[in-house]
PDB file of all heavy atoms in Angstrom:
ATOM      1  N   LEU A   1       0.800  -1.221   0.000  1.00  0.00           N
ATOM      2  CA  LEU A   1       0.000   0.000   0.000  1.00  0.00           C
ATOM      3  C   LEU A   1       0.835   1.275   0.000  1.00  0.00           C
ATOM      4  O   LEU A   1       0.281   2.364  -0.167  1.00  0.00           O
ATOM      5  CB  LEU A   1      -0.936   0.006   1.212  1.00  0.00           C
ATOM      6  CG  LEU A   1      -1.996  -1.105   1.231  1.00  0.00           C
ATOM      7  CD1 LEU A   1      -2.732  -1.118   2.559  1.00  0.00           C
ATOM      8  CD2 LEU A   1      -2.978  -0.952   0.071  1.00  0.00           C
ATOM      9  N   ARG A   2       2.126   1.166   0.232  1.00  0.00           N
ATOM     10  CA  ARG A   2       2.960   2.368   0.226  1.00  0.00           C
ATOM     11  C   ARG A   2       3.012   2.956  -1.174  1.00  0.00           C
ATOM     12  O   ARG A   2       2.831   2.283  -2.176  1.00  0.00           O
ATOM     13  CB  ARG A   2       4.356   2.048   0.740  1.00  0.00           C
ATOM     14  CG  ARG A   2       4.390   1.734   2.231  1.00  0.00           C
ATOM     15  CD  ARG A   2       5.773   1.405   2.721  1.00  0.00           C
ATOM     16  NE  ARG A   2       6.662   2.572   2.678  1.00  0.00           N
ATOM     17  CZ  ARG A   2       7.913   2.580   3.122  1.00  0.00           C
ATOM     18  NH1 ARG A   2       8.427   1.472   3.636  1.00  0.00           N
ATOM     19  NH2 ARG A   2       8.649   3.677   3.065  1.00  0.00           N
ATOM     20  N   GLY A   3       3.274   4.231  -1.235  1.00  0.00           N
ATOM     21  CA  GLY A   3       3.309   4.897  -2.540  1.00  0.00           C
ATOM     22  C   GLY A   3       1.913   4.990  -3.128  1.00  0.00           C
ATOM     23  O   GLY A   3       0.957   5.373  -2.459  1.00  0.00           O
ATOM     24  N   TRP A   4       1.803   4.602  -4.405  1.00  0.00           N
ATOM     25  CA  TRP A   4       0.518   4.675  -5.099  1.00  0.00           C
ATOM     26  C   TRP A   4      -0.408   3.527  -4.744  1.00  0.00           C
ATOM     27  O   TRP A   4      -1.587   3.550  -5.091  1.00  0.00           O
ATOM     28  CB  TRP A   4       0.753   4.699  -6.613  1.00  0.00           C
ATOM     29  CG  TRP A   4       1.445   5.941  -7.055  1.00  0.00           C
ATOM     30  CD1 TRP A   4       2.787   6.109  -7.255  1.00  0.00           C
ATOM     31  CD2 TRP A   4       0.839   7.206  -7.314  1.00  0.00           C
ATOM     32  NE1 TRP A   4       3.064   7.403  -7.631  1.00  0.00           N
ATOM     33  CE2 TRP A   4       1.886   8.101  -7.680  1.00  0.00           C
ATOM     34  CE3 TRP A   4      -0.465   7.686  -7.276  1.00  0.00           C
ATOM     35  CZ2 TRP A   4       1.637   9.430  -8.006  1.00  0.00           C
ATOM     36  CZ3 TRP A   4      -0.709   9.004  -7.601  1.00  0.00           C
ATOM     37  CH2 TRP A   4       0.336   9.852  -7.961  1.00  0.00           C
ATOM     38  N   GLY A   5       0.116   2.531  -4.056  1.00  0.00           N
ATOM     39  CA  GLY A   5      -0.694   1.357  -3.746  1.00  0.00           C
ATOM     40  C   GLY A   5      -1.920   1.668  -2.917  1.00  0.00           C
ATOM     41  O   GLY A   5      -2.969   1.033  -3.082  1.00  0.00           O
ATOM     42  N   LEU A   6      -1.812   2.638  -2.014  1.00  0.00           N
ATOM     43  CA  LEU A   6      -2.945   2.954  -1.158  1.00  0.00           C
ATOM     44  C   LEU A   6      -4.113   3.507  -1.971  1.00  0.00           C
ATOM     45  O   LEU A   6      -5.275   3.340  -1.588  1.00  0.00           O
ATOM     46  CB  LEU A   6      -2.531   3.971  -0.086  1.00  0.00           C
ATOM     47  CG  LEU A   6      -3.554   4.236   1.019  1.00  0.00           C
ATOM     48  CD1 LEU A   6      -3.837   2.968   1.811  1.00  0.00           C
ATOM     49  CD2 LEU A   6      -3.070   5.333   1.945  1.00  0.00           C
ATOM     50  N   LEU A   7      -3.834   4.150  -3.074  1.00  0.00           N
ATOM     51  CA  LEU A   7      -4.891   4.640  -3.952  1.00  0.00           C
ATOM     52  C   LEU A   7      -5.389   3.551  -4.897  1.00  0.00           C
ATOM     53  O   LEU A   7      -6.596   3.417  -5.117  1.00  0.00           O
ATOM     54  CB  LEU A   7      -4.388   5.840  -4.766  1.00  0.00           C
ATOM     55  CG  LEU A   7      -5.356   6.423  -5.798  1.00  0.00           C
ATOM     56  CD1 LEU A   7      -6.620   6.944  -5.122  1.00  0.00           C
ATOM     57  CD2 LEU A   7      -4.683   7.531  -6.603  1.00  0.00           C
ATOM     58  N   ILE A   8      -4.474   2.750  -5.422  1.00  0.00           N
ATOM     59  CA  ILE A   8      -4.820   1.842  -6.513  1.00  0.00           C
ATOM     60  C   ILE A   8      -5.351   0.496  -6.013  1.00  0.00           C
ATOM     61  O   ILE A   8      -6.373  -0.002  -6.501  1.00  0.00           O
ATOM     62  CB  ILE A   8      -3.601   1.627  -7.422  1.00  0.00           C
ATOM     63  CG1 ILE A   8      -3.219   2.951  -8.090  1.00  0.00           C
ATOM     64  CG2 ILE A   8      -3.886   0.560  -8.475  1.00  0.00           C
ATOM     65  CD1 ILE A   8      -1.914   2.890  -8.850  1.00  0.00           C
ATOM     66  N   VAL A   9      -4.675  -0.129  -5.036  1.00  0.00           N
ATOM     67  CA  VAL A   9      -5.021  -1.499  -4.647  1.00  0.00           C
ATOM     68  C   VAL A   9      -6.439  -1.612  -4.095  1.00  0.00           C
ATOM     69  O   VAL A   9      -7.225  -2.446  -4.565  1.00  0.00           O
ATOM     70  CB  VAL A   9      -3.978  -2.060  -3.651  1.00  0.00           C
ATOM     71  CG1 VAL A   9      -4.430  -3.429  -3.127  1.00  0.00           C
ATOM     72  CG2 VAL A   9      -2.611  -2.171  -4.331  1.00  0.00           C
ATOM     73  N   PRO A  10      -6.846  -0.813  -3.089  1.00  0.00           N
ATOM     74  CA  PRO A  10      -8.232  -0.937  -2.620  1.00  0.00           C
ATOM     75  C   PRO A  10      -9.258  -0.607  -3.694  1.00  0.00           C
ATOM     76  O   PRO A  10     -10.331  -1.222  -3.746  1.00  0.00           O
ATOM     77  CB  PRO A  10      -8.294   0.069  -1.455  1.00  0.00           C
ATOM     78  CG  PRO A  10      -6.880   0.225  -1.011  1.00  0.00           C
ATOM     79  CD  PRO A  10      -6.080   0.141  -2.271  1.00  0.00           C
ATOM     80  N   MET A  11      -8.936   0.350  -4.564  1.00  0.00           N
ATOM     81  CA  MET A  11      -9.853   0.687  -5.647  1.00  0.00           C
ATOM     82  C   MET A  11     -10.059  -0.502  -6.567  1.00  0.00           C
ATOM     83  O   MET A  11     -11.192  -0.824  -6.974  1.00  0.00           O
ATOM     84  CB  MET A  11      -9.304   1.876  -6.429  1.00  0.00           C
ATOM     85  CG  MET A  11     -10.246   2.446  -7.471  1.00  0.00           C
ATOM     86  SD  MET A  11      -9.435   3.776  -8.393  1.00  0.00           S
ATOM     87  CE  MET A  11      -9.226   5.008  -7.080  1.00  0.00           C
ATOM     88  N   LEU A  12      -8.967  -1.204  -6.905  1.00  0.00           N
ATOM     89  CA  LEU A  12      -9.079  -2.399  -7.750  1.00  0.00           C
ATOM     90  C   LEU A  12      -9.844  -3.504  -7.041  1.00  0.00           C
ATOM     91  O   LEU A  12     -10.604  -4.249  -7.675  1.00  0.00           O
ATOM     92  CB  LEU A  12      -7.690  -2.883  -8.153  1.00  0.00           C
ATOM     93  CG  LEU A  12      -6.920  -1.975  -9.117  1.00  0.00           C
ATOM     94  CD1 LEU A  12      -5.525  -2.542  -9.385  1.00  0.00           C
ATOM     95  CD2 LEU A  12      -7.685  -1.789 -10.424  1.00  0.00           C
ATOM     96  N   LEU A  13      -9.662  -3.634  -5.740  1.00  0.00           N
ATOM     97  CA  LEU A  13     -10.426  -4.633  -4.986  1.00  0.00           C
ATOM     98  C   LEU A  13     -11.915  -4.323  -5.042  1.00  0.00           C
ATOM     99  O   LEU A  13     -12.741  -5.224  -5.236  1.00  0.00           O
ATOM    100  CB  LEU A  13      -9.946  -4.675  -3.534  1.00  0.00           C
ATOM    101  CG  LEU A  13      -8.582  -5.310  -3.284  1.00  0.00           C
ATOM    102  CD1 LEU A  13      -8.182  -5.152  -1.819  1.00  0.00           C
ATOM    103  CD2 LEU A  13      -8.609  -6.789  -3.655  1.00  0.00           C
ATOM    104  N   TRP A  14     -12.281  -3.058  -4.862  1.00  0.00           N
ATOM    105  CA  TRP A  14     -13.692  -2.677  -4.955  1.00  0.00           C
ATOM    106  C   TRP A  14     -14.257  -2.972  -6.342  1.00  0.00           C
ATOM    107  O   TRP A  14     -15.379  -3.486  -6.461  1.00  0.00           O
ATOM    108  CB  TRP A  14     -13.841  -1.190  -4.631  1.00  0.00           C
ATOM    109  CG  TRP A  14     -13.966  -0.915  -3.161  1.00  0.00           C
ATOM    110  CD1 TRP A  14     -13.809  -1.797  -2.132  1.00  0.00           C
ATOM    111  CD2 TRP A  14     -14.302   0.341  -2.564  1.00  0.00           C
ATOM    112  NE1 TRP A  14     -14.005  -1.174  -0.931  1.00  0.00           N
ATOM    113  CE2 TRP A  14     -14.313   0.133  -1.163  1.00  0.00           C
ATOM    114  CE3 TRP A  14     -14.577   1.600  -3.069  1.00  0.00           C
ATOM    115  CZ2 TRP A  14     -14.606   1.162  -0.274  1.00  0.00           C
ATOM    116  CZ3 TRP A  14     -14.863   2.634  -2.182  1.00  0.00           C
ATOM    117  CH2 TRP A  14     -14.880   2.410  -0.801  1.00  0.00           C
ATOM    118  N   ILE A  15     -13.491  -2.667  -7.374  1.00  0.00           N
ATOM    119  CA  ILE A  15     -13.952  -2.948  -8.738  1.00  0.00           C
ATOM    120  C   ILE A  15     -14.125  -4.442  -8.945  1.00  0.00           C
ATOM    121  O   ILE A  15     -15.113  -4.897  -9.535  1.00  0.00           O
ATOM    122  CB  ILE A  15     -12.969  -2.354  -9.766  1.00  0.00           C
ATOM    123  CG1 ILE A  15     -13.042  -0.819  -9.731  1.00  0.00           C
ATOM    124  CG2 ILE A  15     -13.275  -2.867 -11.172  1.00  0.00           C
ATOM    125  CD1 ILE A  15     -11.987  -0.144 -10.580  1.00  0.00           C
ATOM    126  N   ALA A  16     -13.175  -5.241  -8.435  1.00  0.00           N
ATOM    127  CA  ALA A  16     -13.263  -6.691  -8.582  1.00  0.00           C
ATOM    128  C   ALA A  16     -14.488  -7.239  -7.855  1.00  0.00           C
ATOM    129  O   ALA A  16     -15.168  -8.152  -8.360  1.00  0.00           O
ATOM    130  CB  ALA A  16     -11.986  -7.340  -8.041  1.00  0.00           C
ATOM    131  N   ILE A  17     -14.788  -6.718  -6.666  1.00  0.00           N
ATOM    132  CA  ILE A  17     -15.967  -7.171  -5.927  1.00  0.00           C
ATOM    133  C   ILE A  17     -17.235  -6.861  -6.710  1.00  0.00           C
ATOM    134  O   ILE A  17     -18.143  -7.700  -6.817  1.00  0.00           O
ATOM    135  CB  ILE A  17     -16.007  -6.513  -4.532  1.00  0.00           C
ATOM    136  CG1 ILE A  17     -14.847  -7.029  -3.672  1.00  0.00           C
ATOM    137  CG2 ILE A  17     -17.345  -6.783  -3.835  1.00  0.00           C
ATOM    138  CD1 ILE A  17     -14.606  -6.207  -2.423  1.00  0.00           C
ATOM    139  N   TYR A  18     -17.302  -5.669  -7.287  1.00  0.00           N
ATOM    140  CA  TYR A  18     -18.492  -5.333  -8.080  1.00  0.00           C
ATOM    141  C   TYR A  18     -18.615  -6.241  -9.300  1.00  0.00           C
ATOM    142  O   TYR A  18     -19.707  -6.751  -9.601  1.00  0.00           O
ATOM    143  CB  TYR A  18     -18.459  -3.869  -8.534  1.00  0.00           C
ATOM    144  CG  TYR A  18     -19.511  -3.618  -9.593  1.00  0.00           C
ATOM    145  CD1 TYR A  18     -20.858  -3.601  -9.251  1.00  0.00           C
ATOM    146  CD2 TYR A  18     -19.157  -3.486 -10.945  1.00  0.00           C
ATOM    147  CE1 TYR A  18     -21.826  -3.436 -10.227  1.00  0.00           C
ATOM    148  CE2 TYR A  18     -20.125  -3.310 -11.918  1.00  0.00           C
ATOM    149  CZ  TYR A  18     -21.459  -3.290 -11.550  1.00  0.00           C
ATOM    150  OH  TYR A  18     -22.417  -3.143 -12.514  1.00  0.00           O
ATOM    151  N   LEU A  19     -17.514  -6.444 -10.025  1.00  0.00           N
ATOM    152  CA  LEU A  19     -17.571  -7.273 -11.233  1.00  0.00           C
ATOM    153  C   LEU A  19     -17.920  -8.719 -10.906  1.00  0.00           C
ATOM    154  O   LEU A  19     -18.548  -9.411 -11.717  1.00  0.00           O
ATOM    155  CB  LEU A  19     -16.242  -7.202 -11.978  1.00  0.00           C
ATOM    156  CG  LEU A  19     -15.895  -5.840 -12.598  1.00  0.00           C
ATOM    157  CD1 LEU A  19     -14.508  -5.872 -13.222  1.00  0.00           C
ATOM    158  CD2 LEU A  19     -16.949  -5.427 -13.630  1.00  0.00           C
ATOM    159  N   ALA A  20     -17.521  -9.186  -9.727  1.00  0.00           N
ATOM    160  CA  ALA A  20     -17.845 -10.552  -9.324  1.00  0.00           C
ATOM    161  C   ALA A  20     -19.311 -10.694  -8.917  1.00  0.00           C
ATOM    162  O   ALA A  20     -19.902 -11.770  -9.058  1.00  0.00           O
ATOM    163  CB  ALA A  20     -16.942 -10.989  -8.171  1.00  0.00           C
ATOM    164  N   PHE A  21     -19.902  -9.599  -8.400  1.00  0.00           N
ATOM    165  CA  PHE A  21     -21.293  -9.650  -7.934  1.00  0.00           C
ATOM    166  C   PHE A  21     -22.062  -8.431  -8.474  1.00  0.00           C
ATOM    167  O   PHE A  21     -22.543  -7.606  -7.701  1.00  0.00           O
ATOM    168  CB  PHE A  21     -21.345  -9.655  -6.403  1.00  0.00           C
ATOM    169  CG  PHE A  21     -20.537 -10.748  -5.761  1.00  0.00           C
ATOM    170  CD1 PHE A  21     -19.247 -10.474  -5.301  1.00  0.00           C
ATOM    171  CD2 PHE A  21     -21.047 -12.028  -5.627  1.00  0.00           C
ATOM    172  CE1 PHE A  21     -18.493 -11.471  -4.700  1.00  0.00           C
ATOM    173  CE2 PHE A  21     -20.297 -13.028  -5.033  1.00  0.00           C
ATOM    174  CZ  PHE A  21     -19.015 -12.749  -4.575  1.00  0.00           C
ATOM    175  N   PRO A  22     -22.197  -8.325  -9.796  1.00  0.00           N
ATOM    176  CA  PRO A  22     -22.777  -7.089 -10.369  1.00  0.00           C
ATOM    177  C   PRO A  22     -24.254  -6.895 -10.049  1.00  0.00           C
ATOM    178  O   PRO A  22     -24.750  -5.769 -10.121  1.00  0.00           O
ATOM    179  CB  PRO A  22     -22.555  -7.268 -11.869  1.00  0.00           C
ATOM    180  CG  PRO A  22     -22.483  -8.746 -12.063  1.00  0.00           C
ATOM    181  CD  PRO A  22     -21.822  -9.289 -10.839  1.00  0.00           C
ATOM    182  N   ASP A  23     -24.953  -7.954  -9.711  1.00  0.00           N
ATOM    183  CA  ASP A  23     -26.396  -7.844  -9.488  1.00  0.00           C
ATOM    184  C   ASP A  23     -26.770  -7.742  -8.013  1.00  0.00           C
ATOM    185  O   ASP A  23     -27.956  -7.751  -7.676  1.00  0.00           O
ATOM    186  CB  ASP A  23     -27.117  -9.057 -10.103  1.00  0.00           C
ATOM    187  CG  ASP A  23     -26.921  -9.147 -11.610  1.00  0.00           C
ATOM    188  OD1 ASP A  23     -26.917  -8.082 -12.258  1.00  0.00           O
ATOM    189  OD2 ASP A  23     -26.753 -10.266 -12.126  1.00  0.00           O
ATOM    190  N   HIS A  24     -25.761  -7.654  -7.162  1.00  0.00           N
ATOM    191  CA  HIS A  24     -26.071  -7.617  -5.729  1.00  0.00           C
ATOM    192  C   HIS A  24     -26.571  -6.237  -5.317  1.00  0.00           C
ATOM    193  O   HIS A  24     -25.979  -5.209  -5.652  1.00  0.00           O
ATOM    194  CB  HIS A  24     -24.829  -7.966  -4.906  1.00  0.00           C
ATOM    195  CG  HIS A  24     -25.070  -7.865  -3.424  1.00  0.00           C
ATOM    196  ND1 HIS A  24     -25.804  -8.789  -2.736  1.00  0.00           N
ATOM    197  CD2 HIS A  24     -24.698  -6.924  -2.516  1.00  0.00           C
ATOM    198  CE1 HIS A  24     -25.856  -8.456  -1.459  1.00  0.00           C
ATOM    199  NE2 HIS A  24     -25.193  -7.316  -1.299  1.00  0.00           N
ATOM    200  N   ASP A  25     -27.682  -6.227  -4.604  1.00  0.00           N
ATOM    201  CA  ASP A  25     -28.202  -5.007  -3.999  1.00  0.00           C
ATOM    202  C   ASP A  25     -27.988  -5.090  -2.492  1.00  0.00           C
ATOM    203  O   ASP A  25     -28.359  -6.085  -1.860  1.00  0.00           O
ATOM    204  CB  ASP A  25     -29.697  -4.836  -4.290  1.00  0.00           C
ATOM    205  CG  ASP A  25     -29.968  -4.508  -5.742  1.00  0.00           C
ATOM    206  OD1 ASP A  25     -29.161  -3.782  -6.342  1.00  0.00           O
ATOM    207  OD2 ASP A  25     -30.989  -4.991  -6.287  1.00  0.00           O
ATOM    208  N   GLU A  26     -27.416  -4.057  -1.938  1.00  0.00           N
ATOM    209  CA  GLU A  26     -27.114  -4.041  -0.511  1.00  0.00           C
ATOM    210  C   GLU A  26     -28.400  -4.204   0.297  1.00  0.00           C
ATOM    211  O   GLU A  26     -29.396  -3.520   0.051  1.00  0.00           O
ATOM    212  CB  GLU A  26     -26.419  -2.732  -0.151  1.00  0.00           C
ATOM    213  CG  GLU A  26     -25.734  -2.748   1.180  1.00  0.00           C
ATOM    214  CD  GLU A  26     -24.757  -1.589   1.336  1.00  0.00           C
ATOM    215  OE1 GLU A  26     -24.346  -1.015   0.310  1.00  0.00           O
ATOM    216  OE2 GLU A  26     -24.405  -1.276   2.479  1.00  0.00           O
ATOM    217  N   THR A  27     -28.397  -5.123   1.285  1.00  0.00           N
ATOM    218  CA  THR A  27     -29.610  -5.446   2.028  1.00  0.00           C
ATOM    219  C   THR A  27     -29.596  -4.936   3.459  1.00  0.00           C
ATOM    220  O   THR A  27     -30.652  -4.739   4.051  1.00  0.00           O
ATOM    221  CB  THR A  27     -29.822  -6.958   2.077  1.00  0.00           C
ATOM    222  OG1 THR A  27     -28.792  -7.574   2.877  1.00  0.00           O
ATOM    223  CG2 THR A  27     -29.803  -7.565   0.678  1.00  0.00           C
TER     224      THR A  27
END
């Protein structure tokens, strides 16, 4: 996460979670 990782890595994780579950609505 040092350097640019703190901006990029969590953002990519969030994108991956959405792409894996695109139809999920928060309950």
